[in-house]
Amino acid sequence: MKQLGFAKVGIIVMVLTSAVAAIGMGFGLWAQVLSIQGIVGTGTVDAKFSDVEYGVGYGEYPFTNDDGWVDNPLKDWDDDGYNNYPEPEYDAWEYSTVDPSGPAEEEMQGYWFTPRSAKDVARCYAFRDEGETILEVYVEEAYPSYWCTAWFHVRNFGSVPLKLQSATLLGVPAGDPPPPPGTQDQEIAPSEWWCIDTDGITPPVQVMGPHDPCPEIDGDDPLEEYDLKVHLSELVLGVQIDPTGYESYPEDGANVQGNIDIHVEQGAAQNGTLEFELEMLWVQWNEYSPPPPL
């Protein structure tokens, strides 16, 4: 009986010893783990209306051709409210300039010309909001056939190149072609002239040029008439602005200049306020989608 017990004990010991040896072999293998960690720092998209100066005496942006001050000798060289020549037949503001009678147009060597009337009745100003993402153009004492041209600069303060994807008139009735369902916006293209009804009744319509009249509405409600004609220019869809400080084409690729023309139409009501909003969408340069061919 004792021998049998020893045998049993011996077997048990033998089995345990073998198990421990097997475990020892497993932990005796040397190994090293290499890992890969991904760290991606993203860039920024930050387009703003800027106050770029071209040089001494060129003033700050934005500005208009009827604010009574020469801001850029190439653009509004005759907007000098203190030295009007000839003397205006009527001067409501003393230091303002005689009113524009047509849109400002580039003529030669970068110089722009504004046709003007003989009276100083209205005036026009342009400002940036505190966030520098909204351009505000104010016209005082406007009347049918009054014109104002406002210039602005868009600057890329981010780190990702941007391209102009679209320009959209917000909050207007559906035009032709109609905007997507559920929206009240009309996409336009720079260089196009659009008649808009700021009362939100009549859909906007495109006309051929600055001197083409807006269509007359066959109805008894004066609110259905077109109040304004607007025109965005000096920009093209797809124009690129590089991050500030980077070399690019054109000479200063971190800036792009544009202007907006505003014409008061015959449908404008007296003693009223005409408001519209034009939105420009800037996207990262590699996500730009060109418009379909005509």
C-alpha atoms as a PDB file:
ATOM      1  CA  MET A   1       0.000   0.000   0.000  1.00  0.00           C
ATOM      2  CA  LYS A   2       2.816   2.346   0.745  1.00  0.00           C
ATOM      3  CA  GLN A   3       4.454   1.664  -2.592  1.00  0.00           C
ATOM      4  CA  LEU A   4       1.218   2.342  -4.362  1.00  0.00           C
ATOM      5  CA  GLY A   5       0.871   5.602  -2.549  1.00  0.00           C
ATOM      6  CA  PHE A   6       4.357   6.585  -3.493  1.00  0.00           C
ATOM      7  CA  ALA A   7       3.640   5.833  -7.064  1.00  0.00           C
ATOM      8  CA  LYS A   8       0.635   8.020  -6.960  1.00  0.00           C
ATOM      9  CA  VAL A   9       2.532  10.783  -5.387  1.00  0.00           C
ATOM     10  CA  GLY A  10       5.322  10.374  -7.855  1.00  0.00           C
ATOM     11  CA  ILE A  11       2.997  10.575 -10.768  1.00  0.00           C
ATOM     12  CA  ILE A  12       1.375  13.666  -9.428  1.00  0.00           C
ATOM     13  CA  VAL A  13       4.686  15.307  -8.915  1.00  0.00           C
ATOM     14  CA  MET A  14       5.842  14.354 -12.367  1.00  0.00           C
ATOM     15  CA  VAL A  15       2.745  15.866 -13.967  1.00  0.00           C
ATOM     16  CA  LEU A  16       3.085  19.116 -12.049  1.00  0.00           C
ATOM     17  CA  THR A  17       6.710  19.418 -12.941  1.00  0.00           C
ATOM     18  CA  SER A  18       5.965  18.951 -16.625  1.00  0.00           C
ATOM     19  CA  ALA A  19       3.262  21.618 -16.536  1.00  0.00           C
ATOM     20  CA  VAL A  20       5.564  24.130 -14.909  1.00  0.00           C
ATOM     21  CA  ALA A  21       8.242  23.392 -17.470  1.00  0.00           C
ATOM     22  CA  ALA A  22       5.816  23.999 -20.283  1.00  0.00           C
ATOM     23  CA  ILE A  23       4.820  27.337 -18.810  1.00  0.00           C
ATOM     24  CA  GLY A  24       8.438  28.315 -18.401  1.00  0.00           C
ATOM     25  CA  MET A  25       9.117  27.665 -22.042  1.00  0.00           C
ATOM     26  CA  GLY A  26       6.241  29.988 -23.024  1.00  0.00           C
ATOM     27  CA  PHE A  27       7.473  32.965 -21.002  1.00  0.00           C
ATOM     28  CA  GLY A  28      11.081  32.447 -21.938  1.00  0.00           C
ATOM     29  CA  LEU A  29      10.480  33.731 -25.535  1.00  0.00           C
ATOM     30  CA  TRP A  30      11.758  37.299 -25.933  1.00  0.00           C
ATOM     31  CA  ALA A  31       9.510  39.739 -27.843  1.00  0.00           C
ATOM     32  CA  GLN A  32       9.032  43.429 -28.546  1.00  0.00           C
ATOM     33  CA  VAL A  33       5.920  45.272 -29.764  1.00  0.00           C
ATOM     34  CA  LEU A  34       6.137  48.261 -32.153  1.00  0.00           C
ATOM     35  CA  SER A  35       3.074  50.561 -32.387  1.00  0.00           C
ATOM     36  CA  ILE A  36       1.971  53.298 -34.762  1.00  0.00           C
ATOM     37  CA  GLN A  37       0.122  56.344 -33.445  1.00  0.00           C
ATOM     38  CA  GLY A  38      -1.733  58.675 -35.823  1.00  0.00           C
ATOM     39  CA  ILE A  39      -1.738  62.391 -35.014  1.00  0.00           C
ATOM     40  CA  VAL A  40      -3.353  64.666 -37.613  1.00  0.00           C
ATOM     41  CA  GLY A  41      -3.380  68.440 -37.149  1.00  0.00           C
ATOM     42  CA  THR A  42      -6.151  69.990 -39.237  1.00  0.00           C
ATOM     43  CA  GLY A  43      -5.962  73.356 -40.964  1.00  0.00           C
ATOM     44  CA  THR A  44      -8.430  76.219 -40.847  1.00  0.00           C
ATOM     45  CA  VAL A  45     -10.821  77.840 -43.298  1.00  0.00           C
ATOM     46  CA  ASP A  46     -11.126  81.521 -42.431  1.00  0.00           C
ATOM     47  CA  ALA A  47     -12.244  83.941 -45.164  1.00  0.00           C
ATOM     48  CA  LYS A  48     -13.031  87.501 -44.115  1.00  0.00           C
ATOM     49  CA  PHE A  49     -13.680  90.911 -45.576  1.00  0.00           C
ATOM     50  CA  SER A  50     -10.381  92.705 -45.079  1.00  0.00           C
ATOM     51  CA  ASP A  51      -9.195  96.297 -44.900  1.00  0.00           C
ATOM     52  CA  VAL A  52      -6.257  95.866 -47.275  1.00  0.00           C
ATOM     53  CA  GLU A  53      -4.380  99.040 -48.154  1.00  0.00           C
ATOM     54  CA  TYR A  54      -2.689  99.348 -51.526  1.00  0.00           C
ATOM     55  CA  GLY A  55      -0.385 102.108 -50.436  1.00  0.00           C
ATOM     56  CA  VAL A  56      -0.216 105.540 -48.916  1.00  0.00           C
ATOM     57  CA  GLY A  57      -3.384 107.476 -49.614  1.00  0.00           C
ATOM     58  CA  TYR A  58      -5.303 104.476 -50.908  1.00  0.00           C
ATOM     59  CA  GLY A  59      -7.542 104.219 -47.862  1.00  0.00           C
ATOM     60  CA  GLU A  60      -9.217 101.183 -46.393  1.00  0.00           C
ATOM     61  CA  TYR A  61     -11.735  98.693 -47.749  1.00  0.00           C
ATOM     62  CA  PRO A  62     -14.657  98.458 -48.117  1.00  0.00           C
ATOM     63  CA  PHE A  63     -15.696 101.740 -49.719  1.00  0.00           C
ATOM     64  CA  THR A  64     -18.121 103.147 -52.292  1.00  0.00           C
ATOM     65  CA  ASN A  65     -18.026 105.714 -55.072  1.00  0.00           C
ATOM     66  CA  ASP A  66     -20.473 107.978 -53.234  1.00  0.00           C
ATOM     67  CA  ASP A  67     -19.201 108.254 -49.665  1.00  0.00           C
ATOM     68  CA  GLY A  68     -17.489 111.623 -50.230  1.00  0.00           C
ATOM     69  CA  TRP A  69     -13.939 110.351 -49.845  1.00  0.00           C
ATOM     70  CA  VAL A  70     -11.286 109.167 -52.306  1.00  0.00           C
ATOM     71  CA  ASP A  71     -10.383 105.710 -50.994  1.00  0.00           C
ATOM     72  CA  ASN A  72      -8.554 104.351 -54.033  1.00  0.00           C
ATOM     73  CA  PRO A  73      -7.396 106.712 -56.805  1.00  0.00           C
ATOM     74  CA  LEU A  74      -7.873 103.948 -59.351  1.00  0.00           C
ATOM     75  CA  LYS A  75     -11.481 103.271 -58.391  1.00  0.00           C
ATOM     76  CA  ASP A  76     -13.175 106.361 -56.929  1.00  0.00           C
ATOM     77  CA  TRP A  77     -10.778 109.135 -57.883  1.00  0.00           C
ATOM     78  CA  ASP A  78     -13.693 111.568 -58.413  1.00  0.00           C
ATOM     79  CA  ASP A  79     -15.476 110.801 -55.123  1.00  0.00           C
ATOM     80  CA  ASP A  80     -14.150 113.890 -53.383  1.00  0.00           C
ATOM     81  CA  GLY A  81     -16.998 115.529 -51.534  1.00  0.00           C
ATOM     82  CA  TYR A  82     -14.880 118.518 -50.522  1.00  0.00           C
ATOM     83  CA  ASN A  83     -13.826 119.493 -54.031  1.00  0.00           C
ATOM     84  CA  ASN A  84     -16.815 118.815 -56.229  1.00  0.00           C
ATOM     85  CA  TYR A  85     -16.286 120.116 -59.729  1.00  0.00           C
ATOM     86  CA  PRO A  86     -18.373 121.480 -61.197  1.00  0.00           C
ATOM     87  CA  GLU A  87     -20.321 122.723 -58.218  1.00  0.00           C
ATOM     88  CA  PRO A  88     -23.461 120.625 -57.677  1.00  0.00           C
ATOM     89  CA  GLU A  89     -26.776 122.177 -58.561  1.00  0.00           C
ATOM     90  CA  TYR A  90     -28.090 120.790 -55.278  1.00  0.00           C
ATOM     91  CA  ASP A  91     -26.011 119.575 -52.334  1.00  0.00           C
ATOM     92  CA  ALA A  92     -27.886 117.803 -49.531  1.00  0.00           C
ATOM     93  CA  TRP A  93     -24.816 116.614 -47.626  1.00  0.00           C
ATOM     94  CA  GLU A  94     -22.208 119.357 -48.078  1.00  0.00           C
ATOM     95  CA  TYR A  95     -19.257 116.965 -48.062  1.00  0.00           C
ATOM     96  CA  SER A  96     -20.768 114.172 -50.195  1.00  0.00           C
ATOM     97  CA  THR A  97     -20.229 113.829 -53.953  1.00  0.00           C
ATOM     98  CA  VAL A  98     -22.702 114.372 -56.761  1.00  0.00           C
ATOM     99  CA  ASP A  99     -24.686 111.185 -57.284  1.00  0.00           C
ATOM    100  CA  PRO A 100     -23.610 108.403 -59.663  1.00  0.00           C
ATOM    101  CA  SER A 101     -25.900 108.110 -62.672  1.00  0.00           C
ATOM    102  CA  GLY A 102     -24.562 104.745 -63.820  1.00  0.00           C
ATOM    103  CA  PRO A 103     -22.379 101.836 -62.661  1.00  0.00           C
ATOM    104  CA  ALA A 104     -18.657 102.328 -62.208  1.00  0.00           C
ATOM    105  CA  GLU A 105     -16.782 100.731 -65.091  1.00  0.00           C
ATOM    106  CA  GLU A 106     -13.115 100.056 -65.744  1.00  0.00           C
ATOM    107  CA  GLU A 107     -11.880 102.048 -68.719  1.00  0.00           C
ATOM    108  CA  MET A 108      -8.102 101.921 -69.129  1.00  0.00           C
ATOM    109  CA  GLN A 109      -4.948 101.035 -67.185  1.00  0.00           C
ATOM    110  CA  GLY A 110      -6.927 100.048 -64.124  1.00  0.00           C
ATOM    111  CA  TYR A 111      -8.772 103.361 -63.847  1.00  0.00           C
ATOM    112  CA  TRP A 112     -12.503 103.247 -63.269  1.00  0.00           C
ATOM    113  CA  PHE A 113     -15.015 105.875 -64.321  1.00  0.00           C
ATOM    114  CA  THR A 114     -18.347 106.716 -62.668  1.00  0.00           C
ATOM    115  CA  PRO A 115     -20.884 108.755 -64.658  1.00  0.00           C
ATOM    116  CA  ARG A 116     -22.468 111.340 -62.387  1.00  0.00           C
ATOM    117  CA  SER A 117     -25.468 113.626 -62.270  1.00  0.00           C
ATOM    118  CA  ALA A 118     -25.424 117.318 -61.339  1.00  0.00           C
ATOM    119  CA  LYS A 119     -27.056 116.902 -57.938  1.00  0.00           C
ATOM    120  CA  ASP A 120     -26.010 115.473 -54.588  1.00  0.00           C
ATOM    121  CA  VAL A 121     -29.195 113.892 -53.232  1.00  0.00           C
ATOM    122  CA  ALA A 122     -28.250 110.443 -51.908  1.00  0.00           C
ATOM    123  CA  ARG A 123     -25.128 108.903 -50.445  1.00  0.00           C
ATOM    124  CA  CYS A 124     -23.809 105.371 -50.011  1.00  0.00           C
ATOM    125  CA  TYR A 125     -21.519 103.752 -47.412  1.00  0.00           C
ATOM    126  CA  ALA A 126     -19.981 100.307 -46.905  1.00  0.00           C
ATOM    127  CA  PHE A 127     -18.900  98.731 -43.611  1.00  0.00           C
ATOM    128  CA  ARG A 128     -17.702  95.400 -42.220  1.00  0.00           C
ATOM    129  CA  ASP A 129     -19.343  93.849 -39.170  1.00  0.00           C
ATOM    130  CA  GLU A 130     -17.269  93.039 -36.074  1.00  0.00           C
ATOM    131  CA  GLY A 131     -16.717  89.460 -37.216  1.00  0.00           C
ATOM    132  CA  GLU A 132     -15.592  90.709 -40.647  1.00  0.00           C
ATOM    133  CA  THR A 133     -17.814  88.151 -42.386  1.00  0.00           C
ATOM    134  CA  ILE A 134     -20.649  90.501 -43.362  1.00  0.00           C
ATOM    135  CA  LEU A 135     -20.393  93.449 -45.747  1.00  0.00           C
ATOM    136  CA  GLU A 136     -23.043  96.078 -45.096  1.00  0.00           C
ATOM    137  CA  VAL A 137     -23.898  98.619 -47.797  1.00  0.00           C
ATOM    138  CA  TYR A 138     -26.144 101.505 -46.729  1.00  0.00           C
ATOM    139  CA  VAL A 139     -27.840 103.953 -49.081  1.00  0.00           C
ATOM    140  CA  GLU A 140     -29.565 107.047 -47.729  1.00  0.00           C
ATOM    141  CA  GLU A 141     -32.215 109.128 -49.509  1.00  0.00           C
ATOM    142  CA  ALA A 142     -32.191 106.819 -52.531  1.00  0.00           C
ATOM    143  CA  TYR A 143     -34.505 107.352 -55.493  1.00  0.00           C
ATOM    144  CA  PRO A 144     -35.276 105.501 -58.753  1.00  0.00           C
ATOM    145  CA  SER A 145     -32.279 105.419 -61.121  1.00  0.00           C
ATOM    146  CA  TYR A 146     -29.749 106.021 -58.308  1.00  0.00           C
ATOM    147  CA  TRP A 147     -26.573 103.943 -58.562  1.00  0.00           C
ATOM    148  CA  CYS A 148     -23.947 102.921 -56.019  1.00  0.00           C
ATOM    149  CA  THR A 149     -20.843 100.770 -56.479  1.00  0.00           C
ATOM    150  CA  ALA A 150     -19.149  99.287 -53.401  1.00  0.00           C
ATOM    151  CA  TRP A 151     -15.692  97.668 -53.489  1.00  0.00           C
ATOM    152  CA  PHE A 152     -14.471  95.030 -51.055  1.00  0.00           C
ATOM    153  CA  HIS A 153     -11.551  92.697 -50.420  1.00  0.00           C
ATOM    154  CA  VAL A 154     -11.773  89.077 -49.300  1.00  0.00           C
ATOM    155  CA  ARG A 155      -8.682  87.777 -47.508  1.00  0.00           C
ATOM    156  CA  ASN A 156      -7.768  84.230 -46.499  1.00  0.00           C
ATOM    157  CA  PHE A 157      -6.697  84.296 -42.852  1.00  0.00           C
ATOM    158  CA  GLY A 158      -6.766  80.500 -42.563  1.00  0.00           C
ATOM    159  CA  SER A 159      -4.234  77.876 -43.588  1.00  0.00           C
ATOM    160  CA  VAL A 160      -6.126  76.162 -46.428  1.00  0.00           C
ATOM    161  CA  PRO A 161      -6.420  77.652 -49.954  1.00  0.00           C
ATOM    162  CA  LEU A 162      -9.996  78.610 -50.844  1.00  0.00           C
ATOM    163  CA  LYS A 163     -12.040  78.910 -54.030  1.00  0.00           C
ATOM    164  CA  LEU A 164     -15.304  80.745 -54.665  1.00  0.00           C
ATOM    165  CA  GLN A 165     -17.943  78.042 -55.082  1.00  0.00           C
ATOM    166  CA  SER A 166     -21.102  80.110 -55.430  1.00  0.00           C
ATOM    167  CA  ALA A 167     -22.916  83.398 -54.918  1.00  0.00           C
ATOM    168  CA  THR A 168     -26.527  83.311 -53.767  1.00  0.00           C
ATOM    169  CA  LEU A 169     -29.307  85.836 -53.263  1.00  0.00           C
ATOM    170  CA  LEU A 170     -30.941  84.804 -49.995  1.00  0.00           C
ATOM    171  CA  GLY A 171     -34.602  84.990 -49.069  1.00  0.00           C
ATOM    172  CA  VAL A 172     -36.021  85.726 -52.507  1.00  0.00           C
ATOM    173  CA  PRO A 173     -38.856  83.887 -54.276  1.00  0.00           C
ATOM    174  CA  ALA A 174     -38.021  80.910 -56.449  1.00  0.00           C
ATOM    175  CA  GLY A 175     -36.726  82.000 -59.817  1.00  0.00           C
ATOM    176  CA  ASP A 176     -35.824  80.226 -63.043  1.00  0.00           C
ATOM    177  CA  PRO A 177     -34.317  77.724 -62.634  1.00  0.00           C
ATOM    178  CA  PRO A 178     -35.962  77.332 -59.231  1.00  0.00           C
ATOM    179  CA  PRO A 179     -33.798  76.745 -56.163  1.00  0.00           C
ATOM    180  CA  PRO A 180     -34.000  73.397 -54.316  1.00  0.00           C
ATOM    181  CA  PRO A 181     -37.313  72.615 -52.602  1.00  0.00           C
ATOM    182  CA  GLY A 182     -37.719  74.184 -49.188  1.00  0.00           C
ATOM    183  CA  THR A 183     -35.417  77.112 -49.889  1.00  0.00           C
ATOM    184  CA  GLN A 184     -35.990  80.686 -50.928  1.00  0.00           C
ATOM    185  CA  ASP A 185     -32.595  81.381 -52.445  1.00  0.00           C
ATOM    186  CA  GLN A 186     -31.442  82.139 -55.979  1.00  0.00           C
ATOM    187  CA  GLU A 187     -27.920  81.190 -57.033  1.00  0.00           C
ATOM    188  CA  ILE A 188     -26.292  83.718 -59.358  1.00  0.00           C
ATOM    189  CA  ALA A 189     -22.931  84.082 -61.036  1.00  0.00           C
ATOM    190  CA  PRO A 190     -20.554  87.038 -60.931  1.00  0.00           C
ATOM    191  CA  SER A 191     -20.992  89.438 -63.876  1.00  0.00           C
ATOM    192  CA  GLU A 192     -24.741  88.693 -64.074  1.00  0.00           C
ATOM    193  CA  TRP A 193     -27.331  91.442 -63.597  1.00  0.00           C
ATOM    194  CA  TRP A 194     -30.354  90.499 -61.491  1.00  0.00           C
ATOM    195  CA  CYS A 195     -33.610  92.301 -60.774  1.00  0.00           C
ATOM    196  CA  ILE A 196     -35.001  91.549 -57.331  1.00  0.00           C
ATOM    197  CA  ASP A 197     -38.226  92.265 -55.497  1.00  0.00           C
ATOM    198  CA  THR A 198     -37.233  92.950 -51.896  1.00  0.00           C
ATOM    199  CA  ASP A 199     -40.851  92.398 -50.822  1.00  0.00           C
ATOM    200  CA  GLY A 200     -40.388  88.717 -51.609  1.00  0.00           C
ATOM    201  CA  ILE A 201     -43.338  88.361 -53.992  1.00  0.00           C
ATOM    202  CA  THR A 202     -41.968  88.366 -57.535  1.00  0.00           C
ATOM    203  CA  PRO A 203     -39.182  85.907 -58.436  1.00  0.00           C
ATOM    204  CA  PRO A 204     -35.836  87.464 -59.425  1.00  0.00           C
ATOM    205  CA  VAL A 205     -35.030  87.694 -63.092  1.00  0.00           C
ATOM    206  CA  GLN A 206     -31.766  88.098 -64.962  1.00  0.00           C
ATOM    207  CA  VAL A 207     -31.318  90.895 -67.500  1.00  0.00           C
ATOM    208  CA  MET A 208     -28.581  91.334 -70.074  1.00  0.00           C
ATOM    209  CA  GLY A 209     -26.845  94.446 -68.819  1.00  0.00           C
ATOM    210  CA  PRO A 210     -26.866  97.484 -66.532  1.00  0.00           C
ATOM    211  CA  HIS A 211     -29.068  99.595 -68.750  1.00  0.00           C
ATOM    212  CA  ASP A 212     -31.644  96.931 -69.549  1.00  0.00           C
ATOM    213  CA  PRO A 213     -34.825  97.723 -67.612  1.00  0.00           C
ATOM    214  CA  CYS A 214     -36.340  95.258 -65.212  1.00  0.00           C
ATOM    215  CA  PRO A 215     -39.594  93.779 -66.517  1.00  0.00           C
ATOM    216  CA  GLU A 216     -42.794  95.551 -65.589  1.00  0.00           C
ATOM    217  CA  ILE A 217     -45.209  93.444 -63.581  1.00  0.00           C
ATOM    218  CA  ASP A 218     -48.758  93.346 -64.930  1.00  0.00           C
ATOM    219  CA  GLY A 219     -50.634  93.770 -61.674  1.00  0.00           C
ATOM    220  CA  ASP A 220     -52.206  96.257 -59.320  1.00  0.00           C
ATOM    221  CA  ASP A 221     -49.999  95.515 -56.313  1.00  0.00           C
ATOM    222  CA  PRO A 222     -46.950  97.833 -56.264  1.00  0.00           C
ATOM    223  CA  LEU A 223     -45.218  95.379 -53.923  1.00  0.00           C
ATOM    224  CA  GLU A 224     -44.871  92.987 -56.849  1.00  0.00           C
ATOM    225  CA  GLU A 225     -42.612  95.369 -58.757  1.00  0.00           C
ATOM    226  CA  TYR A 226     -38.840  95.008 -58.889  1.00  0.00           C
ATOM    227  CA  ASP A 227     -37.123  97.333 -56.433  1.00  0.00           C
ATOM    228  CA  LEU A 228     -33.402  96.828 -57.108  1.00  0.00           C
ATOM    229  CA  LYS A 229     -30.947  95.619 -59.696  1.00  0.00           C
ATOM    230  CA  VAL A 230     -27.739  94.054 -58.348  1.00  0.00           C
ATOM    231  CA  HIS A 231     -24.497  93.010 -59.987  1.00  0.00           C
ATOM    232  CA  LEU A 232     -21.455  91.228 -58.521  1.00  0.00           C
ATOM    233  CA  SER A 233     -18.237  91.682 -60.501  1.00  0.00           C
ATOM    234  CA  GLU A 234     -14.427  91.535 -60.544  1.00  0.00           C
ATOM    235  CA  LEU A 235     -14.824  87.963 -59.280  1.00  0.00           C
ATOM    236  CA  VAL A 236     -15.209  84.650 -61.101  1.00  0.00           C
ATOM    237  CA  LEU A 237     -16.369  81.309 -59.774  1.00  0.00           C
ATOM    238  CA  GLY A 238     -13.336  79.231 -58.903  1.00  0.00           C
ATOM    239  CA  VAL A 239     -11.051  82.171 -58.150  1.00  0.00           C
ATOM    240  CA  GLN A 240      -8.514  81.064 -55.544  1.00  0.00           C
ATOM    241  CA  ILE A 241      -7.223  82.901 -52.497  1.00  0.00           C
ATOM    242  CA  ASP A 242      -4.212  81.363 -50.791  1.00  0.00           C
ATOM    243  CA  PRO A 243      -3.423  81.642 -47.088  1.00  0.00           C
ATOM    244  CA  THR A 244      -2.044  84.986 -45.986  1.00  0.00           C
ATOM    245  CA  GLY A 245       1.705  85.222 -46.448  1.00  0.00           C
ATOM    246  CA  TYR A 246       2.084  82.531 -49.107  1.00  0.00           C
ATOM    247  CA  GLU A 247       3.397  83.318 -52.567  1.00  0.00           C
ATOM    248  CA  SER A 248       0.870  82.705 -55.300  1.00  0.00           C
ATOM    249  CA  TYR A 249      -0.630  84.076 -58.473  1.00  0.00           C
ATOM    250  CA  PRO A 250      -1.801  86.819 -58.814  1.00  0.00           C
ATOM    251  CA  GLU A 251       0.747  88.991 -57.058  1.00  0.00           C
ATOM    252  CA  ASP A 252      -1.044  88.900 -53.723  1.00  0.00           C
ATOM    253  CA  GLY A 253      -2.956  85.643 -53.821  1.00  0.00           C
ATOM    254  CA  ALA A 254      -4.152  85.985 -50.242  1.00  0.00           C
ATOM    255  CA  ASN A 255      -6.562  88.716 -51.390  1.00  0.00           C
ATOM    256  CA  VAL A 256      -9.204  88.992 -54.044  1.00  0.00           C
ATOM    257  CA  GLN A 257     -11.141  92.134 -54.874  1.00  0.00           C
ATOM    258  CA  GLY A 258     -14.755  92.392 -55.907  1.00  0.00           C
ATOM    259  CA  ASN A 259     -17.501  94.958 -56.180  1.00  0.00           C
ATOM    260  CA  ILE A 260     -21.268  95.081 -56.106  1.00  0.00           C
ATOM    261  CA  ASP A 261     -23.418  97.485 -58.090  1.00  0.00           C
ATOM    262  CA  ILE A 262     -26.815  98.510 -56.746  1.00  0.00           C
ATOM    263  CA  HIS A 263     -29.421 100.272 -58.883  1.00  0.00           C
ATOM    264  CA  VAL A 264     -32.730 101.549 -57.501  1.00  0.00           C
ATOM    265  CA  GLU A 265     -35.578 100.530 -59.815  1.00  0.00           C
ATOM    266  CA  GLN A 266     -38.905 102.178 -60.579  1.00  0.00           C
ATOM    267  CA  GLY A 267     -40.747  99.774 -58.299  1.00  0.00           C
ATOM    268  CA  ALA A 268     -39.098 101.151 -55.150  1.00  0.00           C
ATOM    269  CA  ALA A 269     -41.611 102.625 -52.731  1.00  0.00           C
ATOM    270  CA  GLN A 270     -41.187 106.085 -51.247  1.00  0.00           C
ATOM    271  CA  ASN A 271     -39.978 106.448 -47.673  1.00  0.00           C
ATOM    272  CA  GLY A 272     -39.236 102.734 -47.501  1.00  0.00           C
ATOM    273  CA  THR A 273     -36.382 100.389 -46.689  1.00  0.00           C
ATOM    274  CA  LEU A 274     -35.096  97.975 -49.320  1.00  0.00           C
ATOM    275  CA  GLU A 275     -33.028  95.074 -48.040  1.00  0.00           C
ATOM    276  CA  PHE A 276     -31.353  92.101 -49.696  1.00  0.00           C
ATOM    277  CA  GLU A 277     -28.617  89.648 -48.765  1.00  0.00           C
ATOM    278  CA  LEU A 278     -26.020  88.162 -51.083  1.00  0.00           C
ATOM    279  CA  GLU A 279     -23.964  85.225 -49.794  1.00  0.00           C
ATOM    280  CA  MET A 280     -20.611  84.057 -51.162  1.00  0.00           C
ATOM    281  CA  LEU A 281     -19.568  80.475 -50.385  1.00  0.00           C
ATOM    282  CA  TRP A 282     -15.804  79.796 -50.212  1.00  0.00           C
ATOM    283  CA  VAL A 283     -14.677  76.155 -50.100  1.00  0.00           C
ATOM    284  CA  GLN A 284     -11.321  74.427 -49.753  1.00  0.00           C
ATOM    285  CA  TRP A 285      -9.586  74.476 -53.111  1.00  0.00           C
ATOM    286  CA  ASN A 286      -9.623  70.709 -53.727  1.00  0.00           C
ATOM    287  CA  GLU A 287     -13.382  70.389 -53.084  1.00  0.00           C
ATOM    288  CA  TYR A 288     -14.414  73.048 -55.615  1.00  0.00           C
ATOM    289  CA  SER A 289     -16.993  71.878 -58.157  1.00  0.00           C
ATOM    290  CA  PRO A 290     -17.000  73.836 -61.441  1.00  0.00           C
ATOM    291  CA  PRO A 291     -20.428  74.854 -62.744  1.00  0.00           C
ATOM    292  CA  PRO A 292     -21.837  72.664 -65.512  1.00  0.00           C
ATOM    293  CA  PRO A 293     -21.102  73.842 -69.067  1.00  0.00           C
ATOM    294  CA  LEU A 294     -23.780  75.970 -70.702  1.00  0.00           C
END
